[in-house]
Amino acid sequence: MLTCHTGKRIYPTEALAIDALIDAHARTCYSGKGPIAVYLCEDCGYWHFTSKGKINDRLDQQLRSGKMKLQQEANRWINKFKK
């Protein structure tokens, strides 16, 4: 996996970064602290997650609609069955 000199994972496009952000929230139950948006890094020219600023619109919509809770619950069950 490629990383920036900052140590952050890199995503070549904004769309891929947003998809990864949504996926990270579905896999991890962040309790108030965690990535909420993506930004274009001036150093490496790739996209990273950030916990600062305005929440990404797509992530916000999924959180508000309850779809994220459903996906998190599904992922918990998937992980239980893997064990």
N, C-alpha and C. Protein backbone atom coordinates (compact mmCIF):
# COMPACT_ATOMS: atom_id res chain seq x y z
N MET A 1 0.83 -1.17 0.00
CA MET A 1 0.00 0.00 0.00
C MET A 1 0.89 1.24 0.00
N LEU A 2 0.59 2.14 -0.88
CA LEU A 2 1.38 3.36 -0.98
C LEU A 2 0.98 4.36 0.10
N THR A 3 1.97 5.09 0.59
CA THR A 3 1.70 6.13 1.58
C THR A 3 2.45 7.40 1.21
N CYS A 4 1.97 8.50 1.75
CA CYS A 4 2.60 9.81 1.60
C CYS A 4 3.75 9.88 2.61
N HIS A 5 4.63 10.84 2.48
CA HIS A 5 5.71 10.99 3.46
C HIS A 5 5.14 11.32 4.85
N THR A 6 3.86 11.74 4.90
CA THR A 6 3.21 12.01 6.19
C THR A 6 2.79 10.71 6.87
N GLY A 7 2.85 9.61 6.12
CA GLY A 7 2.44 8.31 6.66
C GLY A 7 0.99 7.97 6.35
N LYS A 8 0.27 8.89 5.75
CA LYS A 8 -1.14 8.65 5.43
C LYS A 8 -1.25 7.83 4.15
N ARG A 9 -2.32 7.02 4.08
CA ARG A 9 -2.60 6.28 2.86
C ARG A 9 -2.96 7.25 1.75
N ILE A 10 -2.65 6.85 0.54
CA ILE A 10 -2.96 7.73 -0.59
C ILE A 10 -4.04 7.10 -1.47
N TYR A 11 -4.84 7.97 -2.03
CA TYR A 11 -5.88 7.56 -2.97
C TYR A 11 -5.70 8.42 -4.22
N PRO A 12 -5.65 7.80 -5.39
CA PRO A 12 -5.33 8.55 -6.61
C PRO A 12 -6.41 9.52 -7.06
N THR A 13 -7.67 9.27 -6.68
CA THR A 13 -8.75 10.17 -7.08
C THR A 13 -9.62 10.50 -5.89
N GLU A 14 -10.34 11.60 -6.00
CA GLU A 14 -11.26 11.99 -4.93
C GLU A 14 -12.36 10.93 -4.77
N ALA A 15 -12.86 10.41 -5.88
CA ALA A 15 -13.93 9.41 -5.82
C ALA A 15 -13.48 8.16 -5.07
N LEU A 16 -12.27 7.69 -5.33
CA LEU A 16 -11.75 6.52 -4.62
C LEU A 16 -11.55 6.82 -3.13
N ALA A 17 -11.11 8.02 -2.82
CA ALA A 17 -10.91 8.41 -1.43
C ALA A 17 -12.24 8.45 -0.69
N ILE A 18 -13.28 8.98 -1.33
CA ILE A 18 -14.59 9.03 -0.69
C ILE A 18 -15.15 7.63 -0.50
N ASP A 19 -15.00 6.77 -1.50
CA ASP A 19 -15.44 5.37 -1.36
C ASP A 19 -14.73 4.71 -0.18
N ALA A 20 -13.43 4.94 -0.06
CA ALA A 20 -12.66 4.35 1.04
C ALA A 20 -13.09 4.94 2.39
N LEU A 21 -13.42 6.22 2.41
CA LEU A 21 -13.90 6.87 3.63
C LEU A 21 -15.20 6.23 4.10
N ILE A 22 -16.13 6.03 3.17
CA ILE A 22 -17.41 5.38 3.49
C ILE A 22 -17.16 3.97 4.00
N ASP A 23 -16.28 3.24 3.32
CA ASP A 23 -15.95 1.87 3.71
C ASP A 23 -15.31 1.82 5.10
N ALA A 24 -14.43 2.77 5.38
CA ALA A 24 -13.78 2.82 6.70
C ALA A 24 -14.82 3.03 7.80
N HIS A 25 -15.79 3.87 7.55
CA HIS A 25 -16.85 4.09 8.54
C HIS A 25 -17.72 2.86 8.69
N ALA A 26 -17.94 2.13 7.62
CA ALA A 26 -18.76 0.91 7.69
C ALA A 26 -18.04 -0.18 8.48
N ARG A 27 -16.71 -0.23 8.38
CA ARG A 27 -15.92 -1.25 9.07
C ARG A 27 -15.57 -0.88 10.50
N THR A 28 -15.51 0.42 10.81
CA THR A 28 -15.06 0.89 12.10
C THR A 28 -16.11 1.82 12.70
N CYS A 29 -16.51 1.56 13.91
CA CYS A 29 -17.48 2.44 14.57
C CYS A 29 -16.71 3.56 15.26
N TYR A 30 -16.53 4.65 14.55
CA TYR A 30 -15.84 5.80 15.12
C TYR A 30 -16.80 6.47 16.10
N SER A 31 -16.33 6.73 17.30
CA SER A 31 -17.19 7.38 18.29
C SER A 31 -16.85 8.87 18.37
N GLY A 32 -17.32 9.60 17.39
CA GLY A 32 -17.12 11.04 17.38
C GLY A 32 -15.78 11.50 16.84
N LYS A 33 -14.77 10.65 16.87
CA LYS A 33 -13.46 11.04 16.37
C LYS A 33 -13.05 10.06 15.29
N GLY A 34 -12.77 10.59 14.15
CA GLY A 34 -12.37 9.75 13.03
C GLY A 34 -12.44 10.58 11.77
N PRO A 35 -12.10 10.00 10.66
CA PRO A 35 -12.10 10.76 9.41
C PRO A 35 -13.53 11.13 9.01
N ILE A 36 -13.69 12.35 8.51
CA ILE A 36 -15.02 12.81 8.10
C ILE A 36 -15.02 13.36 6.67
N ALA A 37 -13.84 13.52 6.09
CA ALA A 37 -13.75 14.11 4.76
C ALA A 37 -12.44 13.68 4.11
N VAL A 38 -12.25 14.12 2.87
CA VAL A 38 -11.01 13.86 2.15
C VAL A 38 -10.44 15.19 1.66
N TYR A 39 -9.15 15.21 1.40
CA TYR A 39 -8.52 16.42 0.88
C TYR A 39 -7.37 16.05 -0.03
N LEU A 40 -7.04 16.97 -0.93
CA LEU A 40 -5.94 16.79 -1.86
C LEU A 40 -4.66 17.31 -1.19
N CYS A 41 -3.69 16.44 -1.03
CA CYS A 41 -2.43 16.78 -0.36
C CYS A 41 -1.55 17.62 -1.29
N GLU A 42 -1.10 18.73 -0.78
CA GLU A 42 -0.22 19.61 -1.57
C GLU A 42 1.18 19.02 -1.73
N ASP A 43 1.57 18.13 -0.82
CA ASP A 43 2.90 17.54 -0.88
C ASP A 43 3.02 16.42 -1.91
N CYS A 44 2.08 15.48 -1.87
CA CYS A 44 2.21 14.32 -2.76
C CYS A 44 1.26 14.34 -3.95
N GLY A 45 0.23 15.19 -3.90
CA GLY A 45 -0.71 15.28 -5.01
C GLY A 45 -1.79 14.21 -5.01
N TYR A 46 -1.88 13.44 -3.93
CA TYR A 46 -2.91 12.41 -3.81
C TYR A 46 -3.91 12.82 -2.73
N TRP A 47 -4.95 12.03 -2.59
CA TRP A 47 -6.03 12.31 -1.65
C TRP A 47 -5.83 11.55 -0.35
N HIS A 48 -6.19 12.17 0.77
CA HIS A 48 -6.10 11.58 2.11
C HIS A 48 -7.39 11.83 2.87
N PHE A 49 -7.57 11.10 3.99
CA PHE A 49 -8.66 11.35 4.92
C PHE A 49 -8.27 12.50 5.85
N THR A 50 -9.28 13.19 6.37
CA THR A 50 -9.07 14.18 7.41
C THR A 50 -10.22 14.13 8.41
N SER A 51 -9.92 14.46 9.64
CA SER A 51 -10.95 14.55 10.67
C SER A 51 -11.35 16.00 10.92
N LYS A 52 -10.84 16.89 10.10
CA LYS A 52 -11.12 18.32 10.26
C LYS A 52 -12.03 18.82 9.15
N GLY A 53 -12.69 19.93 9.40
CA GLY A 53 -13.50 20.56 8.37
C GLY A 53 -14.92 20.04 8.34
N LYS A 54 -15.57 20.28 7.22
CA LYS A 54 -16.97 19.90 7.00
C LYS A 54 -17.04 18.42 6.63
N ILE A 55 -18.03 17.73 7.17
CA ILE A 55 -18.21 16.31 6.87
C ILE A 55 -18.57 16.15 5.38
N ASN A 56 -18.04 15.11 4.78
CA ASN A 56 -18.33 14.79 3.39
C ASN A 56 -19.84 14.59 3.22
N ASP A 57 -20.40 15.15 2.16
CA ASP A 57 -21.85 15.09 1.94
C ASP A 57 -22.37 13.65 1.86
N ARG A 58 -21.66 12.80 1.15
CA ARG A 58 -22.10 11.40 0.99
C ARG A 58 -22.07 10.66 2.32
N LEU A 59 -21.00 10.88 3.10
CA LEU A 59 -20.89 10.25 4.41
C LEU A 59 -22.00 10.77 5.32
N ASP A 60 -22.23 12.06 5.30
CA ASP A 60 -23.27 12.66 6.14
C ASP A 60 -24.63 12.07 5.81
N GLN A 61 -24.91 11.92 4.53
CA GLN A 61 -26.20 11.36 4.10
C GLN A 61 -26.36 9.93 4.59
N GLN A 62 -25.30 9.15 4.51
CA GLN A 62 -25.38 7.75 4.95
C GLN A 62 -25.55 7.66 6.46
N LEU A 63 -24.89 8.54 7.19
CA LEU A 63 -25.04 8.55 8.65
C LEU A 63 -26.44 8.98 9.05
N ARG A 64 -26.95 10.02 8.43
CA ARG A 64 -28.28 10.55 8.78
C ARG A 64 -29.40 9.58 8.40
N SER A 65 -29.25 8.88 7.30
CA SER A 65 -30.31 7.99 6.83
C SER A 65 -30.37 6.68 7.61
N GLY A 66 -29.32 6.37 8.35
CA GLY A 66 -29.28 5.11 9.09
C GLY A 66 -28.64 3.98 8.31
N LYS A 67 -28.29 4.24 7.04
CA LYS A 67 -27.68 3.19 6.22
C LYS A 67 -26.33 2.75 6.78
N MET A 68 -25.59 3.69 7.37
CA MET A 68 -24.28 3.35 7.92
C MET A 68 -24.42 2.39 9.10
N LYS A 69 -25.40 2.62 9.96
CA LYS A 69 -25.63 1.72 11.10
C LYS A 69 -25.94 0.31 10.61
N LEU A 70 -26.76 0.21 9.58
CA LEU A 70 -27.09 -1.10 9.02
C LEU A 70 -25.86 -1.79 8.46
N GLN A 71 -25.01 -1.04 7.75
CA GLN A 71 -23.79 -1.63 7.19
C GLN A 71 -22.83 -2.05 8.29
N GLN A 72 -22.73 -1.25 9.34
CA GLN A 72 -21.86 -1.59 10.47
C GLN A 72 -22.34 -2.87 11.15
N GLU A 73 -23.65 -2.99 11.32
CA GLU A 73 -24.21 -4.20 11.92
C GLU A 73 -23.95 -5.41 11.04
N ALA A 74 -24.12 -5.26 9.74
CA ALA A 74 -23.84 -6.36 8.81
C ALA A 74 -22.38 -6.76 8.89
N ASN A 75 -21.48 -5.79 8.97
CA ASN A 75 -20.05 -6.10 9.08
C ASN A 75 -19.72 -6.80 10.39
N ARG A 76 -20.40 -6.43 11.48
CA ARG A 76 -20.18 -7.13 12.76
C ARG A 76 -20.55 -8.60 12.64
N TRP A 77 -21.69 -8.89 11.98
CA TRP A 77 -22.11 -10.27 11.80
C TRP A 77 -21.15 -11.03 10.87
N ILE A 78 -20.70 -10.39 9.82
CA ILE A 78 -19.75 -11.02 8.91
C ILE A 78 -18.49 -11.40 9.68
N ASN A 79 -17.99 -10.50 10.52
CA ASN A 79 -16.79 -10.79 11.31
C ASN A 79 -17.01 -11.91 12.31
N LYS A 80 -18.20 -11.99 12.88
CA LYS A 80 -18.52 -13.09 13.82
C LYS A 80 -18.46 -14.43 13.09
N PHE A 81 -19.02 -14.49 11.89
CA PHE A 81 -19.05 -15.74 11.15
C PHE A 81 -17.66 -16.14 10.64
N LYS A 82 -16.76 -15.19 10.50
CA LYS A 82 -15.40 -15.50 10.04
C LYS A 82 -14.61 -16.22 11.12
N LYS A 83 -14.98 -16.02 12.38
CA LYS A 83 -14.22 -16.61 13.50
C LYS A 83 -14.51 -18.03 13.70
